[in-house]
Amino acid sequence: MTTAPVPDPIAQALAAERVRNGRIVGFVRLGAVSTALLLDRTLALASLSFIGPPLPLFFLWIVLGVAVTVAAQRSERVAERSGLAVPLMDMPFLYSMMRELVDRLAVGGFADDARSIAVSSTVFFVLLLFLTSMLIGQREVYFAAFVAMTLEVALGVQARAPDLPRTAPLRG
């Protein structure tokens, strides 16, 4: 007579914690991106010479964030895997916004500021990586670290190479 394997209580607790954190992080994402958008618009109103990230990326990030948050609230499976939205959605959006900002600053004659923004964005990638470590397994964290490092290096190269062809900054 064979008996069913006894589930590991630690693995069960970790899985339940990932589901809970996956549901919470959606609201944290929406709060953080909305706060950044509010701060961006406040600074834009306060200064005529303000150079900021493009609004379309902000809005798209919020719409996709709402979609992931709603899906995680409705499905335990989505909630458990929603941590992958950080390296697959949040990090690329952060990179895109910072790259546009770096391009806008460089085109506007503020190359030193562009380099400073590129370097300081490391903090945001590290925070996203820290957030990821609470949401997904070890292999996925390695993947997220690879994504973060790749995007940060690409941003640094773009900011330090003023002779690279620049795309026209997005309107917004």
N, C-alpha and C. Protein backbone atom coordinates (compact mmCIF):
# COMPACT_ATOMS: atom_id res chain seq x y z
N MET A 1 0.85 -1.16 0.00
CA MET A 1 0.00 0.00 0.00
C MET A 1 0.90 1.23 0.00
N THR A 2 0.66 2.13 -0.95
CA THR A 2 1.46 3.35 -1.03
C THR A 2 0.71 4.50 -0.38
N THR A 3 1.46 5.33 0.23
CA THR A 3 0.85 6.51 0.85
C THR A 3 1.26 7.74 0.06
N ALA A 4 0.39 8.70 0.05
CA ALA A 4 0.68 9.95 -0.65
C ALA A 4 1.77 10.69 0.11
N PRO A 5 2.67 11.34 -0.62
CA PRO A 5 3.71 12.09 0.08
C PRO A 5 3.10 13.22 0.90
N VAL A 6 3.69 13.42 2.06
CA VAL A 6 3.24 14.47 2.95
C VAL A 6 3.78 15.82 2.43
N PRO A 7 2.91 16.80 2.21
CA PRO A 7 3.39 18.09 1.71
C PRO A 7 4.30 18.76 2.76
N ASP A 8 5.31 19.39 2.25
CA ASP A 8 6.26 20.08 3.10
C ASP A 8 5.61 21.36 3.64
N PRO A 9 5.49 21.49 4.97
CA PRO A 9 4.81 22.67 5.53
C PRO A 9 5.56 23.98 5.22
N ILE A 10 6.88 23.91 5.11
CA ILE A 10 7.63 25.13 4.80
C ILE A 10 7.35 25.56 3.36
N ALA A 11 7.32 24.61 2.44
CA ALA A 11 7.01 24.93 1.04
C ALA A 11 5.59 25.49 0.92
N GLN A 12 4.66 24.91 1.69
CA GLN A 12 3.29 25.41 1.66
C GLN A 12 3.22 26.85 2.19
N ALA A 13 3.94 27.11 3.27
CA ALA A 13 3.93 28.46 3.85
C ALA A 13 4.57 29.46 2.89
N LEU A 14 5.66 29.07 2.22
CA LEU A 14 6.29 29.96 1.24
C LEU A 14 5.36 30.24 0.07
N ALA A 15 4.67 29.23 -0.41
CA ALA A 15 3.73 29.41 -1.52
C ALA A 15 2.60 30.36 -1.12
N ALA A 16 2.07 30.18 0.09
CA ALA A 16 0.99 31.05 0.57
C ALA A 16 1.50 32.49 0.72
N GLU A 17 2.74 32.62 1.18
CA GLU A 17 3.33 33.96 1.34
C GLU A 17 3.53 34.63 -0.01
N ARG A 18 3.94 33.86 -1.02
CA ARG A 18 4.12 34.42 -2.37
C ARG A 18 2.79 34.89 -2.95
N VAL A 19 1.74 34.13 -2.72
CA VAL A 19 0.41 34.54 -3.20
C VAL A 19 0.00 35.83 -2.53
N ARG A 20 0.15 35.89 -1.22
CA ARG A 20 -0.23 37.09 -0.46
C ARG A 20 0.59 38.29 -0.92
N ASN A 21 1.91 38.11 -1.03
CA ASN A 21 2.78 39.21 -1.47
C ASN A 21 2.49 39.61 -2.92
N GLY A 22 2.19 38.62 -3.77
CA GLY A 22 1.87 38.92 -5.16
C GLY A 22 0.64 39.80 -5.29
N ARG A 23 -0.31 39.59 -4.41
CA ARG A 23 -1.52 40.42 -4.43
C ARG A 23 -1.25 41.81 -3.88
N ILE A 24 -0.41 41.90 -2.88
CA ILE A 24 -0.10 43.20 -2.28
C ILE A 24 0.77 44.05 -3.20
N VAL A 25 1.74 43.43 -3.86
CA VAL A 25 2.70 44.19 -4.65
C VAL A 25 2.03 44.91 -5.82
N GLY A 26 0.92 44.39 -6.31
CA GLY A 26 0.20 45.09 -7.38
C GLY A 26 -0.25 46.47 -6.93
N PHE A 27 -0.75 46.54 -5.71
CA PHE A 27 -1.19 47.83 -5.18
C PHE A 27 0.01 48.74 -4.89
N VAL A 28 1.10 48.15 -4.44
CA VAL A 28 2.32 48.94 -4.22
C VAL A 28 2.82 49.52 -5.55
N ARG A 29 2.80 48.68 -6.60
CA ARG A 29 3.22 49.15 -7.94
C ARG A 29 2.36 50.33 -8.38
N LEU A 30 1.04 50.18 -8.27
CA LEU A 30 0.15 51.25 -8.71
C LEU A 30 0.35 52.52 -7.90
N GLY A 31 0.57 52.37 -6.61
CA GLY A 31 0.83 53.54 -5.77
C GLY A 31 2.13 54.22 -6.13
N ALA A 32 3.17 53.44 -6.37
CA ALA A 32 4.48 54.03 -6.68
C ALA A 32 4.47 54.73 -8.04
N VAL A 33 3.91 54.08 -9.05
CA VAL A 33 3.88 54.69 -10.39
C VAL A 33 2.97 55.91 -10.40
N SER A 34 1.83 55.83 -9.71
CA SER A 34 0.92 56.98 -9.65
C SER A 34 1.56 58.15 -8.91
N THR A 35 2.29 57.86 -7.85
CA THR A 35 2.98 58.91 -7.11
C THR A 35 4.06 59.56 -7.97
N ALA A 36 4.80 58.74 -8.71
CA ALA A 36 5.82 59.28 -9.62
C ALA A 36 5.19 60.15 -10.69
N LEU A 37 4.04 59.73 -11.21
CA LEU A 37 3.33 60.53 -12.22
C LEU A 37 2.87 61.86 -11.63
N LEU A 38 2.33 61.81 -10.43
CA LEU A 38 1.87 63.04 -9.77
C LEU A 38 3.04 63.99 -9.52
N LEU A 39 4.15 63.45 -9.05
CA LEU A 39 5.34 64.27 -8.82
C LEU A 39 5.86 64.86 -10.13
N ASP A 40 5.88 64.06 -11.18
CA ASP A 40 6.33 64.51 -12.49
C ASP A 40 5.46 65.67 -12.99
N ARG A 41 4.16 65.52 -12.90
CA ARG A 41 3.25 66.57 -13.37
C ARG A 41 3.35 67.81 -12.51
N THR A 42 3.53 67.67 -11.21
CA THR A 42 3.69 68.82 -10.32
C THR A 42 4.95 69.60 -10.68
N LEU A 43 6.04 68.89 -10.89
CA LEU A 43 7.29 69.56 -11.28
C LEU A 43 7.18 70.20 -12.66
N ALA A 44 6.46 69.56 -13.57
CA ALA A 44 6.27 70.13 -14.91
C ALA A 44 5.49 71.43 -14.84
N LEU A 45 4.49 71.51 -13.97
CA LEU A 45 3.71 72.73 -13.81
C LEU A 45 4.51 73.83 -13.13
N ALA A 46 5.44 73.44 -12.27
CA ALA A 46 6.21 74.41 -11.50
C ALA A 46 7.36 75.03 -12.30
N SER A 47 7.76 74.40 -13.41
CA SER A 47 8.92 74.88 -14.15
C SER A 47 8.65 74.83 -15.66
N LEU A 48 8.92 75.92 -16.32
CA LEU A 48 8.73 75.96 -17.78
C LEU A 48 9.80 75.16 -18.51
N SER A 49 10.96 74.98 -17.89
CA SER A 49 12.05 74.28 -18.56
C SER A 49 12.19 72.83 -18.08
N PHE A 50 11.13 72.28 -17.54
CA PHE A 50 11.16 70.93 -16.99
C PHE A 50 11.34 69.90 -18.11
N ILE A 51 12.25 68.97 -17.91
CA ILE A 51 12.44 67.86 -18.84
C ILE A 51 12.18 66.59 -18.05
N GLY A 52 11.13 65.89 -18.41
CA GLY A 52 10.76 64.69 -17.67
C GLY A 52 10.50 63.52 -18.59
N PRO A 53 10.16 62.38 -18.01
CA PRO A 53 9.87 61.19 -18.82
C PRO A 53 8.54 61.37 -19.56
N PRO A 54 8.32 60.57 -20.60
CA PRO A 54 7.10 60.72 -21.41
C PRO A 54 5.85 60.20 -20.70
N LEU A 55 4.78 60.97 -20.84
CA LEU A 55 3.51 60.58 -20.23
C LEU A 55 2.92 59.28 -20.78
N PRO A 56 3.02 59.00 -22.09
CA PRO A 56 2.43 57.75 -22.58
C PRO A 56 2.98 56.51 -21.87
N LEU A 57 4.27 56.50 -21.55
CA LEU A 57 4.84 55.35 -20.83
C LEU A 57 4.26 55.23 -19.43
N PHE A 58 4.08 56.37 -18.76
CA PHE A 58 3.46 56.36 -17.43
C PHE A 58 2.07 55.71 -17.50
N PHE A 59 1.26 56.19 -18.44
CA PHE A 59 -0.11 55.69 -18.53
C PHE A 59 -0.16 54.22 -18.92
N LEU A 60 0.68 53.81 -19.85
CA LEU A 60 0.72 52.40 -20.24
C LEU A 60 1.14 51.52 -19.07
N TRP A 61 2.13 51.97 -18.30
CA TRP A 61 2.58 51.23 -17.13
C TRP A 61 1.44 51.08 -16.12
N ILE A 62 0.69 52.15 -15.91
CA ILE A 62 -0.43 52.09 -14.97
C ILE A 62 -1.51 51.13 -15.46
N VAL A 63 -1.84 51.20 -16.76
CA VAL A 63 -2.88 50.31 -17.31
C VAL A 63 -2.46 48.85 -17.18
N LEU A 64 -1.22 48.53 -17.55
CA LEU A 64 -0.75 47.15 -17.41
C LEU A 64 -0.66 46.73 -15.94
N GLY A 65 -0.27 47.66 -15.08
CA GLY A 65 -0.23 47.37 -13.64
C GLY A 65 -1.60 47.06 -13.09
N VAL A 66 -2.62 47.79 -13.54
CA VAL A 66 -4.00 47.51 -13.11
C VAL A 66 -4.41 46.11 -13.59
N ALA A 67 -4.07 45.79 -14.83
CA ALA A 67 -4.43 44.47 -15.37
C ALA A 67 -3.80 43.34 -14.56
N VAL A 68 -2.53 43.47 -14.23
CA VAL A 68 -1.84 42.44 -13.44
C VAL A 68 -2.44 42.36 -12.03
N THR A 69 -2.72 43.51 -11.44
CA THR A 69 -3.28 43.55 -10.09
C THR A 69 -4.66 42.89 -10.04
N VAL A 70 -5.51 43.22 -11.01
CA VAL A 70 -6.85 42.62 -11.06
C VAL A 70 -6.75 41.11 -11.27
N ALA A 71 -5.89 40.69 -12.19
CA ALA A 71 -5.73 39.25 -12.44
C ALA A 71 -5.22 38.53 -11.20
N ALA A 72 -4.31 39.15 -10.46
CA ALA A 72 -3.77 38.52 -9.25
C ALA A 72 -4.82 38.44 -8.15
N GLN A 73 -5.73 39.39 -8.10
CA GLN A 73 -6.80 39.34 -7.11
C GLN A 73 -7.79 38.23 -7.42
N ARG A 74 -7.96 37.92 -8.69
CA ARG A 74 -8.96 36.94 -9.10
C ARG A 74 -8.43 35.51 -9.17
N SER A 75 -7.11 35.36 -9.33
CA SER A 75 -6.55 34.03 -9.52
C SER A 75 -5.35 33.81 -8.61
N GLU A 76 -5.42 32.72 -7.85
CA GLU A 76 -4.30 32.39 -6.97
C GLU A 76 -3.05 32.05 -7.77
N ARG A 77 -3.23 31.38 -8.90
CA ARG A 77 -2.08 31.02 -9.75
C ARG A 77 -1.39 32.26 -10.30
N VAL A 78 -2.18 33.23 -10.76
CA VAL A 78 -1.60 34.48 -11.27
C VAL A 78 -0.91 35.22 -10.13
N ALA A 79 -1.55 35.24 -8.97
CA ALA A 79 -0.95 35.94 -7.82
C ALA A 79 0.40 35.32 -7.45
N GLU A 80 0.48 33.99 -7.51
CA GLU A 80 1.73 33.32 -7.16
C GLU A 80 2.85 33.66 -8.15
N ARG A 81 2.52 33.85 -9.43
CA ARG A 81 3.52 34.13 -10.46
C ARG A 81 3.61 35.62 -10.80
N SER A 82 2.83 36.48 -10.13
CA SER A 82 2.83 37.90 -10.47
C SER A 82 4.16 38.59 -10.17
N GLY A 83 5.00 37.94 -9.39
CA GLY A 83 6.33 38.49 -9.15
C GLY A 83 7.15 38.59 -10.41
N LEU A 84 6.83 37.75 -11.40
CA LEU A 84 7.55 37.83 -12.68
C LEU A 84 7.22 39.11 -13.44
N ALA A 85 6.15 39.80 -13.04
CA ALA A 85 5.83 41.08 -13.68
C ALA A 85 6.90 42.13 -13.38
N VAL A 86 7.64 41.95 -12.30
CA VAL A 86 8.69 42.92 -11.97
C VAL A 86 9.80 42.88 -13.03
N PRO A 87 10.44 41.73 -13.30
CA PRO A 87 11.48 41.75 -14.33
C PRO A 87 10.94 41.83 -15.75
N LEU A 88 9.70 41.40 -15.98
CA LEU A 88 9.16 41.38 -17.34
C LEU A 88 8.37 42.63 -17.70
N MET A 89 7.91 43.39 -16.70
CA MET A 89 7.15 44.60 -16.98
C MET A 89 7.76 45.83 -16.33
N ASP A 90 7.96 45.78 -15.01
CA ASP A 90 8.41 46.97 -14.30
C ASP A 90 9.82 47.40 -14.69
N MET A 91 10.74 46.46 -14.76
CA MET A 91 12.11 46.83 -15.11
C MET A 91 12.22 47.37 -16.53
N PRO A 92 11.58 46.74 -17.52
CA PRO A 92 11.63 47.34 -18.86
C PRO A 92 10.96 48.72 -18.94
N PHE A 93 9.86 48.91 -18.21
CA PHE A 93 9.24 50.23 -18.21
C PHE A 93 10.15 51.26 -17.55
N LEU A 94 10.76 50.89 -16.44
CA LEU A 94 11.70 51.81 -15.78
C LEU A 94 12.83 52.16 -16.74
N TYR A 95 13.39 51.16 -17.40
CA TYR A 95 14.45 51.41 -18.37
C TYR A 95 13.97 52.34 -19.48
N SER A 96 12.80 52.07 -20.04
CA SER A 96 12.28 52.89 -21.13
C SER A 96 12.09 54.34 -20.70
N MET A 97 11.58 54.53 -19.50
CA MET A 97 11.37 55.89 -19.01
C MET A 97 12.70 56.59 -18.76
N MET A 98 13.63 55.89 -18.15
CA MET A 98 14.93 56.50 -17.89
C MET A 98 15.69 56.77 -19.19
N ARG A 99 15.57 55.87 -20.14
CA ARG A 99 16.25 56.08 -21.42
C ARG A 99 15.68 57.30 -22.13
N GLU A 100 14.37 57.43 -22.15
CA GLU A 100 13.76 58.62 -22.76
C GLU A 100 14.21 59.89 -22.04
N LEU A 101 14.26 59.82 -20.72
CA LEU A 101 14.70 60.98 -19.95
C LEU A 101 16.16 61.32 -20.25
N VAL A 102 17.00 60.29 -20.30
CA VAL A 102 18.42 60.50 -20.63
C VAL A 102 18.55 61.11 -22.03
N ASP A 103 17.78 60.60 -22.99
CA ASP A 103 17.82 61.15 -24.35
C ASP A 103 17.36 62.60 -24.38
N ARG A 104 16.27 62.88 -23.69
CA ARG A 104 15.75 64.25 -23.66
C ARG A 104 16.75 65.21 -23.03
N LEU A 105 17.38 64.79 -21.96
CA LEU A 105 18.38 65.64 -21.31
C LEU A 105 19.59 65.86 -22.22
N ALA A 106 20.06 64.80 -22.86
CA ALA A 106 21.22 64.92 -23.75
C ALA A 106 20.92 65.83 -24.94
N VAL A 107 19.75 65.65 -25.54
CA VAL A 107 19.35 66.50 -26.66
C VAL A 107 19.19 67.95 -26.20
N GLY A 108 18.72 68.15 -24.99
CA GLY A 108 18.53 69.50 -24.44
C GLY A 108 19.82 70.16 -23.96
N GLY A 109 20.94 69.47 -24.10
CA GLY A 109 22.21 70.06 -23.70
C GLY A 109 22.61 69.79 -22.26
N PHE A 110 22.00 68.82 -21.64
CA PHE A 110 22.28 68.50 -20.24
C PHE A 110 22.90 67.10 -20.12
N ALA A 111 24.02 66.89 -20.81
CA ALA A 111 24.66 65.58 -20.85
C ALA A 111 25.10 65.11 -19.46
N ASP A 112 25.60 66.03 -18.64
CA ASP A 112 26.01 65.65 -17.28
C ASP A 112 24.82 65.17 -16.45
N ASP A 113 23.70 65.86 -16.59
CA ASP A 113 22.49 65.43 -15.88
C ASP A 113 22.02 64.08 -16.39
N ALA A 114 22.14 63.85 -17.69
CA ALA A 114 21.74 62.57 -18.27
C ALA A 114 22.57 61.44 -17.66
N ARG A 115 23.87 61.65 -17.54
CA ARG A 115 24.72 60.62 -16.93
C ARG A 115 24.36 60.40 -15.47
N SER A 116 24.06 61.48 -14.76
CA SER A 116 23.68 61.35 -13.34
C SER A 116 22.39 60.56 -13.18
N ILE A 117 21.43 60.81 -14.06
CA ILE A 117 20.17 60.07 -14.01
C ILE A 117 20.42 58.59 -14.27
N ALA A 118 21.25 58.30 -15.26
CA ALA A 118 21.55 56.90 -15.60
C ALA A 118 22.19 56.18 -14.43
N VAL A 119 23.11 56.82 -13.76
CA VAL A 119 23.80 56.19 -12.63
C VAL A 119 22.85 56.04 -11.44
N SER A 120 22.07 57.07 -11.16
CA SER A 120 21.19 57.01 -10.00
C SER A 120 20.02 56.04 -10.20
N SER A 121 19.71 55.69 -11.43
CA SER A 121 18.62 54.73 -11.66
C SER A 121 18.98 53.34 -11.13
N THR A 122 20.25 53.11 -10.85
CA THR A 122 20.66 51.83 -10.25
C THR A 122 19.89 51.57 -8.97
N VAL A 123 19.63 52.61 -8.20
CA VAL A 123 18.89 52.47 -6.95
C VAL A 123 17.50 51.87 -7.22
N PHE A 124 16.84 52.35 -8.26
CA PHE A 124 15.50 51.84 -8.56
C PHE A 124 15.54 50.38 -9.00
N PHE A 125 16.55 50.03 -9.80
CA PHE A 125 16.67 48.63 -10.22
C PHE A 125 16.96 47.72 -9.01
N VAL A 126 17.77 48.19 -8.08
CA VAL A 126 18.05 47.40 -6.87
C VAL A 126 16.78 47.24 -6.03
N LEU A 127 16.01 48.31 -5.90
CA LEU A 127 14.75 48.21 -5.15
C LEU A 127 13.79 47.23 -5.81
N LEU A 128 13.71 47.27 -7.12
CA LEU A 128 12.85 46.31 -7.82
C LEU A 128 13.37 44.88 -7.64
N LEU A 129 14.67 44.72 -7.65
CA LEU A 129 15.25 43.39 -7.44
C LEU A 129 14.97 42.89 -6.03
N PHE A 130 15.08 43.77 -5.05
CA PHE A 130 14.75 43.41 -3.67
C PHE A 130 13.29 42.99 -3.57
N LEU A 131 12.40 43.74 -4.22
CA LEU A 131 10.98 43.40 -4.23
C LEU A 131 10.76 42.03 -4.86
N THR A 132 11.46 41.77 -5.95
CA THR A 132 11.33 40.49 -6.64
C THR A 132 11.73 39.33 -5.74
N SER A 133 12.75 39.52 -4.93
CA SER A 133 13.24 38.43 -4.09
C SER A 133 12.19 37.97 -3.08
N MET A 134 11.20 38.81 -2.78
CA MET A 134 10.14 38.42 -1.85
C MET A 134 8.98 37.74 -2.55
N LEU A 135 9.01 37.74 -3.89
CA LEU A 135 7.83 37.29 -4.62
C LEU A 135 8.02 35.98 -5.36
N ILE A 136 9.23 35.66 -5.76
CA ILE A 136 9.43 34.50 -6.62
C ILE A 136 10.60 33.66 -6.11
N GLY A 137 10.80 32.53 -6.75
CA GLY A 137 11.84 31.60 -6.34
C GLY A 137 13.24 32.07 -6.73
N GLN A 138 14.22 31.30 -6.29
CA GLN A 138 15.62 31.67 -6.45
C GLN A 138 16.03 31.77 -7.92
N ARG A 139 15.62 30.84 -8.75
CA ARG A 139 15.99 30.89 -10.17
C ARG A 139 15.44 32.15 -10.83
N GLU A 140 14.20 32.49 -10.50
CA GLU A 140 13.59 33.67 -11.08
C GLU A 140 14.27 34.94 -10.60
N VAL A 141 14.78 34.93 -9.37
CA VAL A 141 15.52 36.10 -8.87
C VAL A 141 16.81 36.27 -9.66
N TYR A 142 17.47 35.17 -9.98
CA TYR A 142 18.67 35.26 -10.84
C TYR A 142 18.32 35.87 -12.19
N PHE A 143 17.19 35.45 -12.75
CA PHE A 143 16.72 36.01 -14.01
C PHE A 143 16.46 37.50 -13.86
N ALA A 144 15.79 37.90 -12.78
CA ALA A 144 15.50 39.32 -12.54
C ALA A 144 16.78 40.12 -12.37
N ALA A 145 17.77 39.54 -11.70
CA ALA A 145 19.06 40.23 -11.54
C ALA A 145 19.74 40.42 -12.89
N PHE A 146 19.66 39.41 -13.73
CA PHE A 146 20.23 39.52 -15.08
C PHE A 146 19.53 40.63 -15.87
N VAL A 147 18.21 40.67 -15.80
CA VAL A 147 17.45 41.71 -16.50
C VAL A 147 17.85 43.09 -15.98
N ALA A 148 17.90 43.24 -14.66
CA ALA A 148 18.26 44.53 -14.07
C ALA A 148 19.65 44.97 -14.49
N MET A 149 20.62 44.06 -14.42
CA MET A 149 21.99 44.42 -14.80
C MET A 149 22.08 44.79 -16.27
N THR A 150 21.41 44.02 -17.11
CA THR A 150 21.46 44.29 -18.56
C THR A 150 20.86 45.66 -18.87
N LEU A 151 19.72 45.96 -18.29
CA LEU A 151 19.08 47.24 -18.56
C LEU A 151 19.87 48.41 -17.99
N GLU A 152 20.46 48.23 -16.82
CA GLU A 152 21.26 49.31 -16.23
C GLU A 152 22.50 49.58 -17.06
N VAL A 153 23.17 48.52 -17.53
CA VAL A 153 24.36 48.70 -18.39
C VAL A 153 23.96 49.39 -19.68
N ALA A 154 22.84 48.97 -20.28
CA ALA A 154 22.38 49.61 -21.52
C ALA A 154 22.09 51.09 -21.30
N LEU A 155 21.50 51.43 -20.18
CA LEU A 155 21.21 52.82 -19.86
C LEU A 155 22.50 53.60 -19.66
N GLY A 156 23.46 53.00 -18.96
CA GLY A 156 24.74 53.66 -18.75
C GLY A 156 25.49 53.90 -20.05
N VAL A 157 25.46 52.92 -20.94
CA VAL A 157 26.12 53.07 -22.25
C VAL A 157 25.45 54.20 -23.03
N GLN A 158 24.13 54.24 -23.02
CA GLN A 158 23.41 55.29 -23.74
C GLN A 158 23.74 56.67 -23.18
N ALA A 159 23.85 56.78 -21.88
CA ALA A 159 24.12 58.09 -21.27
C ALA A 159 25.56 58.53 -21.47
N ARG A 160 26.48 57.58 -21.57
CA ARG A 160 27.90 57.93 -21.67
C ARG A 160 28.38 58.06 -23.12
N ALA A 161 27.55 57.76 -24.06
CA ALA A 161 27.96 57.79 -25.47
C ALA A 161 27.13 58.82 -26.23
N PRO A 162 27.52 60.10 -26.15
CA PRO A 162 26.72 61.13 -26.79
C PRO A 162 26.71 61.03 -28.31
N ASP A 163 27.65 60.29 -28.89
CA ASP A 163 27.69 60.18 -30.34
C ASP A 163 26.81 59.05 -30.88
N LEU A 164 26.20 58.25 -29.99
CA LEU A 164 25.29 57.21 -30.46
C LEU A 164 24.06 57.87 -31.07
N PRO A 165 23.51 57.29 -32.11
CA PRO A 165 22.30 57.89 -32.69
C PRO A 165 21.17 57.85 -31.67
N ARG A 166 20.51 58.95 -31.53
CA ARG A 166 19.41 59.05 -30.57
C ARG A 166 18.09 59.03 -31.31
N THR A 167 17.14 58.38 -30.70
CA THR A 167 15.81 58.39 -31.28
C THR A 167 15.13 59.69 -30.88
N ALA A 168 14.16 60.09 -31.64
CA ALA A 168 13.42 61.29 -31.28
C ALA A 168 12.65 60.99 -30.00
N PRO A 169 12.79 61.85 -28.99
CA PRO A 169 12.05 61.61 -27.74
C PRO A 169 10.54 61.58 -27.98
N LEU A 170 9.85 60.77 -27.20
CA LEU A 170 8.40 60.71 -27.29
C LEU A 170 7.79 62.02 -26.83
N ARG A 171 6.66 62.34 -27.36
CA ARG A 171 5.94 63.54 -26.91
C ARG A 171 5.18 63.17 -25.64
N GLY A 172 5.11 64.11 -24.72
CA GLY A 172 4.31 63.84 -23.53
C GLY A 172 4.77 64.53 -22.33
